[in-house]
Amino acid sequence: MYEQDSLSALDAITEAQRIAFAPMLFQTALSLRNAGVLAYLDQQGKCGATLKDITENSSLNEYAVSVLLDMGLSGRILTQREDCYYLARVGHYLLHDTMTRVNMDFTQNVCYQGLFFLEQALKEGKPAGLNVFGDWPTIYPVLSQLPQAARESWFAFDHYYSDTAFNAALPYIFASRPATLYDVGGNTGKWALRCCQYDENIAVTLLDLPQQIVLAREIIEKAGFSHRINFHPVDMLGEMPLPGEADIWWMSQFLDCFSPDQIITMLSNVARVMKPGAKLCIMELFWDAQKFEAAAFSLNATSLYFTCMANGNSRFYSVENFCGYLDSAGFQVDERHDNLGIGHSLLICQKKK
C-alpha cells in the first residue's frame, strides 16, 4: 500500500494542510464529543439541529459551539444543509466506535502533552515526553503512579487490543496440552486468569517487574486464583536467574516495549534455560501484517508513544524484522497465525536444533 505516491497535486496539498492543523482537528473532535454535541446531533438524526438548538443542549456558549461546528465541517465530522447541522459518518464513529474512543482517550490523556518533546526523544533515545508526568526513566514501573485519566486510558488501550486476541489465541496455546505456563510481562494478570479459566489443570507463573507484580497479585487474589498462579518478580534485562520449568513461555505485547538488541538479549536468556520441548509463544501487533491501511497507520502512530513516552527505543515492529531477531536469539518460527482479534499475530517458536 506504500509503494506508490497515488495522490494528485491538489489532494497532496490538501492532505498537507490537514497534517499542519491536525492538532486543532483532534482537539475539535474531542471537544465535540465531550461537550455532548455529537450525541445531541446523533439523537436528532435526519432532522438535524440549528446552532441555537445545539447551544441550548450543550455545556458551551454560542461562540464556542460555532467555532467547533465550523471546524467539524472542515473535518468532515458534520454536514450542514441550510441552517441545520447533521452528524456525518466520521462523527458517528467518533461517538460510537469503541476502538476510536479508546485510541482518542489514549492519545489525549497519555500522549498529547508529551509529544511536544518528540524531537528531543528522537535525538536522545529517551522518553523525553514522560517528563509531563514525572522524572522517570521509563513508564512501565510507574504505571500505577500516573494521573488517573492517563492510567485508566493506558490500561483501556492495552486491554482493548489484547482481550479479543486472547480468546483467539487460547486454542493454539493449549493444543499441545501444556501443564505449566510462564506469562512473561504479565501486566495485570488478565492472560494468566484467562488461561486458568480455559484449562483447569494449567499452572501459571507470572514474570514481571516487582511493582507490576503487586498490582497483578491483588487482582488475581480478588479473582480467587492465587492457588494456581504464582509470581516471579524479575527484570528481564537484569542479572537475576530465570526459572526454566515451563512448557510454554508466553509473551503478549511485551517485546514491543524493548529495542532490537534488548529483545535478542532477553530471548537468548530464555533459550538458555528452556527445557527440551518447551515452546515460545509470542503475540504481537506487526504493522506490516495488517489487513487495512488504517490499522498500519494506527500502529505506526503508536510507535511514537514508545519513542516519546514509554522508553525512547522501542516500537511496533515489522514481522520481517522481528523474525530476524528471533533467529539471532536461536529460535525458529514453527507456526504463524495472523489477524487474531483486531490484528494480532501469534508466533509459535522453538529453539533451533
Protein backbone atom coordinates (compact mmCIF):
# COMPACT_ATOMS: atom_id res chain seq x y z
CA MET A 1 0.00 0.00 0.00
CA TYR A 2 3.00 2.31 0.40
CA GLU A 3 4.86 1.55 -2.82
CA GLN A 4 3.48 4.42 -4.92
CA ASP A 5 2.53 8.06 -4.47
CA SER A 6 -1.10 7.92 -5.63
CA LEU A 7 -2.27 11.43 -4.67
CA SER A 8 -2.80 14.20 -7.18
CA ALA A 9 -1.09 17.54 -6.54
CA LEU A 10 -4.36 19.05 -5.27
CA ASP A 11 -5.04 16.08 -2.97
CA ALA A 12 -1.47 16.18 -1.72
CA ILE A 13 -1.51 19.87 -0.77
CA THR A 14 -4.91 19.36 0.88
CA GLU A 15 -3.52 16.49 2.91
CA ALA A 16 -0.51 18.62 3.84
CA GLN A 17 -2.83 21.25 5.34
CA ARG A 18 -4.68 18.58 7.30
CA ILE A 19 -1.36 17.50 8.76
CA ALA A 20 -0.34 21.09 9.50
CA PHE A 21 -3.52 21.66 11.54
CA ALA A 22 -4.01 18.10 12.78
CA PRO A 23 -3.82 19.02 16.50
CA MET A 24 -6.66 21.53 16.02
CA LEU A 25 -8.84 18.92 14.34
CA PHE A 26 -8.11 16.34 17.02
CA GLN A 27 -8.99 18.70 19.85
CA THR A 28 -12.11 19.81 17.99
CA ALA A 29 -13.30 16.22 17.65
CA LEU A 30 -12.60 15.57 21.32
CA SER A 31 -14.42 18.73 22.39
CA LEU A 32 -17.44 17.97 20.19
CA ARG A 33 -17.61 14.54 21.77
CA ASN A 34 -17.04 15.59 25.37
CA ALA A 35 -19.41 18.57 25.21
CA GLY A 36 -22.23 16.32 24.07
CA VAL A 37 -22.61 17.91 20.64
CA LEU A 38 -22.06 14.66 18.75
CA ALA A 39 -24.51 12.82 20.99
CA TYR A 40 -27.16 15.52 20.57
CA LEU A 41 -26.86 15.54 16.77
CA ASP A 42 -26.99 11.75 16.82
CA GLN A 43 -30.31 11.96 18.66
CA GLN A 44 -31.71 14.44 16.13
CA GLY A 45 -30.97 12.08 13.25
CA LYS A 46 -32.20 13.24 9.85
CA CYS A 47 -33.94 16.28 11.37
CA GLY A 48 -30.63 17.93 12.26
CA ALA A 49 -30.31 20.89 14.60
CA THR A 50 -29.61 24.62 14.38
CA LEU A 51 -26.76 26.42 16.11
CA LYS A 52 -29.27 27.76 18.65
CA ASP A 53 -30.64 24.27 19.39
CA ILE A 54 -27.17 22.79 19.76
CA THR A 55 -26.03 25.57 22.07
CA GLU A 56 -29.08 25.17 24.29
CA ASN A 57 -28.34 21.46 24.60
CA SER A 58 -24.61 21.67 25.33
CA SER A 59 -22.41 22.96 28.12
CA LEU A 60 -20.85 25.62 25.86
CA ASN A 61 -21.89 29.11 24.75
CA GLU A 62 -22.83 30.01 21.19
CA TYR A 63 -19.37 31.27 20.25
CA ALA A 64 -17.69 28.07 21.45
CA VAL A 65 -20.21 25.86 19.69
CA SER A 66 -19.91 27.84 16.46
CA VAL A 67 -16.14 27.51 16.14
CA LEU A 68 -16.34 23.80 16.88
CA LEU A 69 -19.10 23.28 14.33
CA ASP A 70 -17.16 25.12 11.64
CA MET A 71 -14.05 23.02 12.21
CA GLY A 72 -16.24 19.94 12.48
CA LEU A 73 -17.47 20.66 8.95
CA SER A 74 -13.91 21.01 7.69
CA GLY A 75 -13.02 17.77 9.41
CA ARG A 76 -15.99 16.01 7.80
CA ILE A 77 -17.31 15.17 11.25
CA LEU A 78 -20.53 17.03 10.45
CA THR A 79 -22.51 18.17 7.46
CA GLN A 80 -24.68 21.27 7.04
CA ARG A 81 -27.75 21.95 4.94
CA GLU A 82 -29.29 25.42 5.17
CA ASP A 83 -29.38 26.26 8.90
CA CYS A 84 -29.16 22.71 10.23
CA TYR A 85 -26.17 20.58 11.20
CA TYR A 86 -26.10 16.79 10.93
CA LEU A 87 -23.82 14.06 12.22
CA ALA A 88 -21.67 12.65 9.39
CA ARG A 89 -20.28 9.12 9.25
CA VAL A 90 -16.97 10.22 10.76
CA GLY A 91 -18.86 11.81 13.63
CA HIS A 92 -20.86 8.62 14.09
CA TYR A 93 -17.68 6.58 14.56
CA LEU A 94 -16.11 9.18 16.83
CA LEU A 95 -19.16 8.81 19.04
CA HIS A 96 -19.99 5.11 18.85
CA ASP A 97 -16.89 3.15 17.84
CA THR A 98 -15.12 1.68 20.87
CA MET A 99 -11.75 1.42 19.14
CA THR A 100 -11.86 5.08 18.13
CA ARG A 101 -12.81 6.18 21.64
CA VAL A 102 -10.03 4.09 23.21
CA ASN A 103 -7.49 5.46 20.73
CA MET A 104 -8.56 9.09 21.25
CA ASP A 105 -8.51 8.83 25.04
CA PHE A 106 -5.05 7.22 24.91
CA THR A 107 -3.76 9.96 22.60
CA GLN A 108 -5.26 12.75 24.71
CA ASN A 109 -4.57 11.51 28.24
CA VAL A 110 -1.28 9.65 27.77
CA CYS A 111 0.48 11.07 24.72
CA TYR A 112 -0.72 14.52 23.71
CA GLN A 113 1.29 16.80 26.00
CA GLY A 114 4.40 14.66 25.85
CA LEU A 115 4.51 14.54 22.05
CA PHE A 116 5.69 18.15 22.10
CA PHE A 117 9.05 16.62 23.11
CA LEU A 118 9.16 14.03 20.29
CA GLU A 119 12.10 15.64 18.51
CA GLN A 120 14.10 15.62 21.74
CA ALA A 121 13.19 11.97 22.35
CA LEU A 122 14.31 11.03 18.84
CA LYS A 123 17.68 12.71 19.32
CA GLU A 124 18.33 11.39 22.84
CA GLY A 125 16.83 7.90 22.58
CA LYS A 126 14.96 8.60 25.83
CA PRO A 127 11.23 9.18 26.54
CA ALA A 128 11.57 12.94 26.85
CA GLY A 129 7.79 13.43 26.87
CA LEU A 130 7.37 11.40 30.04
CA ASN A 131 8.55 14.44 31.99
CA VAL A 132 5.00 15.83 31.80
CA PHE A 133 4.07 13.16 34.37
CA GLY A 134 7.28 12.81 36.37
CA ASP A 135 11.04 12.40 36.32
CA TRP A 136 11.17 8.70 35.43
CA PRO A 137 13.44 6.76 33.03
CA THR A 138 10.57 4.66 31.59
CA ILE A 139 6.81 4.48 32.02
CA TYR A 140 6.46 0.79 32.95
CA PRO A 141 7.43 0.73 36.65
CA VAL A 142 5.27 3.79 37.35
CA LEU A 143 2.02 2.97 35.54
CA SER A 144 0.22 2.86 38.89
CA GLN A 145 1.54 6.37 39.66
CA LEU A 146 0.23 8.08 36.52
CA PRO A 147 -2.64 10.57 36.90
CA GLN A 148 -5.98 8.76 36.98
CA ALA A 149 -7.09 9.72 33.46
CA ALA A 150 -3.73 8.67 31.98
CA ARG A 151 -3.63 5.44 33.96
CA GLU A 152 -7.18 4.45 33.03
CA SER A 153 -6.64 5.31 29.36
CA TRP A 154 -3.36 3.36 29.24
CA PHE A 155 -4.90 0.17 30.59
CA ALA A 156 -8.08 0.58 28.49
CA PHE A 157 -5.88 0.88 25.38
CA ASP A 158 -3.73 -2.10 26.31
CA HIS A 159 -6.65 -4.35 27.25
CA TYR A 160 -8.84 -3.41 24.30
CA TYR A 161 -6.32 -4.70 21.80
CA SER A 162 -5.31 -7.79 23.75
CA ASP A 163 -8.65 -9.08 25.06
CA THR A 164 -10.19 -10.29 21.79
CA ALA A 165 -6.86 -11.70 20.65
CA PHE A 166 -6.57 -13.69 23.89
CA ASN A 167 -9.74 -15.64 23.06
CA ALA A 168 -8.49 -16.40 19.56
CA ALA A 169 -5.04 -17.49 20.78
CA LEU A 170 -6.11 -19.87 23.56
CA PRO A 171 -6.87 -22.91 21.33
CA TYR A 172 -3.45 -22.66 19.68
CA ILE A 173 -1.63 -22.37 23.01
CA PHE A 174 -3.42 -25.29 24.63
CA ALA A 175 -3.33 -27.58 21.59
CA SER A 176 -0.18 -29.20 22.99
CA ARG A 177 -1.83 -29.68 26.43
CA PRO A 178 0.80 -27.81 28.48
CA ALA A 179 0.95 -28.31 32.25
CA THR A 180 2.91 -25.15 33.11
CA LEU A 181 3.00 -21.72 31.51
CA TYR A 182 5.16 -18.66 32.18
CA ASP A 183 3.39 -15.36 31.49
CA VAL A 184 6.32 -13.03 30.82
CA GLY A 185 5.41 -9.38 31.25
CA GLY A 186 2.07 -10.45 32.65
CA ASN A 187 0.86 -6.90 33.34
CA THR A 188 -2.38 -7.05 35.36
CA GLY A 189 -2.68 -10.84 35.08
CA LYS A 190 -5.51 -10.92 32.54
CA TRP A 191 -3.87 -13.61 30.39
CA ALA A 192 -2.95 -15.71 33.42
CA LEU A 193 -6.56 -15.58 34.61
CA ARG A 194 -7.86 -16.39 31.13
CA CYS A 195 -5.61 -19.46 30.99
CA CYS A 196 -6.84 -20.73 34.35
CA GLN A 197 -10.44 -20.25 33.28
CA TYR A 198 -9.78 -22.05 29.99
CA ASP A 199 -7.93 -25.07 31.40
CA GLU A 200 -8.49 -26.23 34.98
CA ASN A 201 -5.17 -28.11 35.03
CA ILE A 202 -2.78 -25.36 33.92
CA ALA A 203 -0.35 -23.85 36.43
CA VAL A 204 0.79 -20.31 35.61
CA THR A 205 3.72 -18.26 36.86
CA LEU A 206 3.64 -14.55 36.14
CA LEU A 207 7.06 -12.98 35.49
CA ASP A 208 7.19 -9.19 35.69
CA LEU A 209 8.71 -6.20 37.43
CA PRO A 210 8.18 -6.18 41.22
CA GLN A 211 6.00 -3.06 41.02
CA GLN A 212 3.70 -4.68 38.47
CA ILE A 213 3.56 -7.94 40.44
CA VAL A 214 1.99 -6.04 43.34
CA LEU A 215 -0.89 -4.88 41.15
CA ALA A 216 -1.34 -8.26 39.45
CA ARG A 217 -1.29 -10.16 42.75
CA GLU A 218 -4.11 -8.01 44.12
CA ILE A 219 -6.27 -8.58 41.03
CA ILE A 220 -5.60 -12.32 40.98
CA GLU A 221 -6.36 -12.69 44.67
CA LYS A 222 -9.71 -10.94 44.18
CA ALA A 223 -10.47 -13.31 41.29
CA GLY A 224 -9.79 -16.31 43.53
CA PHE A 225 -6.94 -17.86 41.55
CA SER A 226 -3.98 -17.36 43.91
CA HIS A 227 -3.71 -21.12 44.38
CA ARG A 228 -2.98 -21.64 40.66
CA ILE A 229 -0.99 -18.54 39.72
CA ASN A 230 2.47 -17.97 41.15
CA PHE A 231 4.65 -14.88 40.88
CA HIS A 232 8.30 -14.42 40.00
CA PRO A 233 9.41 -10.78 40.30
CA VAL A 234 12.14 -10.16 37.76
CA ASP A 235 13.65 -7.57 35.47
CA MET A 236 14.05 -9.49 32.22
CA LEU A 237 17.05 -7.32 31.35
CA GLY A 238 18.66 -7.80 34.77
CA GLU A 239 21.04 -10.37 36.15
CA MET A 240 18.57 -12.44 38.14
CA PRO A 241 18.36 -16.10 37.01
CA LEU A 242 15.23 -17.22 35.22
CA PRO A 243 13.18 -20.31 36.11
CA GLY A 244 13.08 -22.97 33.42
CA GLU A 245 10.29 -25.45 34.03
CA ALA A 246 7.55 -24.10 31.75
CA ASP A 247 6.09 -25.97 28.81
CA ILE A 248 5.01 -22.63 27.32
CA TRP A 249 6.78 -19.26 27.54
CA TRP A 250 4.11 -16.68 26.70
CA MET A 251 4.85 -13.07 25.73
CA SER A 252 1.96 -10.85 24.66
CA GLN A 253 2.50 -7.21 23.67
CA PHE A 254 5.69 -7.43 25.70
CA LEU A 255 8.62 -7.40 23.31
CA ASP A 256 7.40 -4.25 21.55
CA CYS A 257 8.46 -2.50 24.77
CA PHE A 258 12.15 -3.10 24.01
CA SER A 259 14.82 -2.28 21.45
CA PRO A 260 16.06 -4.94 18.99
CA ASP A 261 19.25 -5.56 20.99
CA GLN A 262 17.22 -5.92 24.20
CA ILE A 263 14.80 -8.31 22.50
CA ILE A 264 17.64 -10.52 21.31
CA THR A 265 19.27 -10.47 24.75
CA MET A 266 16.07 -11.47 26.56
CA LEU A 267 15.16 -14.17 24.09
CA SER A 268 18.69 -15.56 24.21
CA ASN A 269 18.42 -15.76 28.01
CA VAL A 270 15.13 -17.61 27.68
CA ALA A 271 16.60 -20.02 25.12
CA ARG A 272 19.39 -20.94 27.55
CA VAL A 273 17.02 -22.03 30.35
CA MET A 274 14.13 -23.55 28.35
CA LYS A 275 13.66 -27.24 28.91
CA PRO A 276 13.61 -29.58 25.89
CA GLY A 277 10.32 -29.49 24.02
CA ALA A 278 9.19 -26.18 25.51
CA LYS A 279 7.66 -23.59 23.19
CA LEU A 280 7.96 -19.83 23.00
CA CYS A 281 4.64 -18.20 22.04
CA ILE A 282 4.71 -14.53 21.10
CA MET A 283 1.63 -12.47 20.34
CA GLU A 284 2.36 -9.07 18.83
CA LEU A 285 0.92 -6.38 16.60
CA PHE A 286 3.04 -6.07 13.44
CA TRP A 287 2.32 -3.05 11.29
CA ASP A 288 3.09 -4.89 8.05
CA ALA A 289 0.78 -7.82 8.86
CA GLN A 290 -2.43 -5.78 8.89
CA LYS A 291 -5.38 -6.16 6.50
CA PHE A 292 -6.29 -2.47 6.49
CA GLU A 293 -4.24 0.69 5.99
CA ALA A 294 -5.93 2.32 8.99
CA ALA A 295 -4.53 -0.44 11.20
CA ALA A 296 -0.98 0.03 9.91
CA PHE A 297 -1.39 3.79 10.37
CA SER A 298 -2.54 3.33 13.97
CA LEU A 299 0.37 1.04 14.84
CA ASN A 300 2.98 3.31 13.28
CA ALA A 301 1.47 6.24 15.19
CA THR A 302 1.55 4.27 18.42
CA SER A 303 5.23 3.53 17.86
CA LEU A 304 5.81 7.22 18.57
CA TYR A 305 4.24 6.69 22.01
CA PHE A 306 7.05 4.22 22.71
CA THR A 307 9.58 6.75 21.43
CA CYS A 308 8.33 9.77 23.33
CA MET A 309 6.52 8.44 26.41
CA ALA A 310 7.43 4.82 27.17
CA ASN A 311 11.16 4.20 26.88
CA GLY A 312 12.64 6.00 23.87
CA ASN A 313 13.86 2.98 21.94
CA SER A 314 11.06 0.53 21.11
CA ARG A 315 8.15 0.30 18.69
CA PHE A 316 5.67 -1.92 16.88
CA TYR A 317 7.97 -3.87 14.57
CA SER A 318 7.55 -5.31 11.11
CA VAL A 319 7.14 -9.08 11.20
CA GLU A 320 10.09 -9.45 8.81
CA ASN A 321 12.48 -7.65 11.16
CA PHE A 322 11.04 -9.36 14.23
CA CYS A 323 11.61 -12.83 12.82
CA GLY A 324 15.22 -11.79 12.28
CA TYR A 325 15.54 -11.04 16.00
CA LEU A 326 14.11 -14.48 16.82
CA ASP A 327 16.65 -16.10 14.51
CA SER A 328 19.51 -14.18 16.14
CA ALA A 329 18.36 -15.38 19.57
CA GLY A 330 18.33 -19.02 18.48
CA PHE A 331 14.63 -19.56 17.70
CA GLN A 332 12.74 -20.75 14.67
CA VAL A 333 9.09 -19.98 13.92
CA ASP A 334 7.05 -23.17 13.55
CA GLU A 335 3.61 -21.56 13.23
CA ARG A 336 2.37 -18.08 12.36
CA HIS A 337 -1.26 -17.09 12.80
CA ASP A 338 -2.26 -13.58 11.67
CA ASN A 339 -5.40 -11.50 12.21
CA LEU A 340 -6.23 -12.74 15.68
CA GLY A 341 -8.66 -10.38 17.39
CA ILE A 342 -8.27 -6.90 15.93
CA GLY A 343 -4.93 -7.53 14.22
CA HIS A 344 -2.52 -9.57 16.34
CA SER A 345 -0.13 -12.20 15.06
CA LEU A 346 0.80 -15.30 17.05
CA LEU A 347 4.25 -16.79 16.51
CA ILE A 348 4.81 -20.27 17.98
CA CYS A 349 8.54 -20.93 18.18
CA GLN A 350 11.06 -23.46 19.39
CA LYS A 351 14.80 -23.44 19.83
CA LYS A 352 16.72 -24.12 16.67
CA LYS A 353 18.22 -27.59 16.60
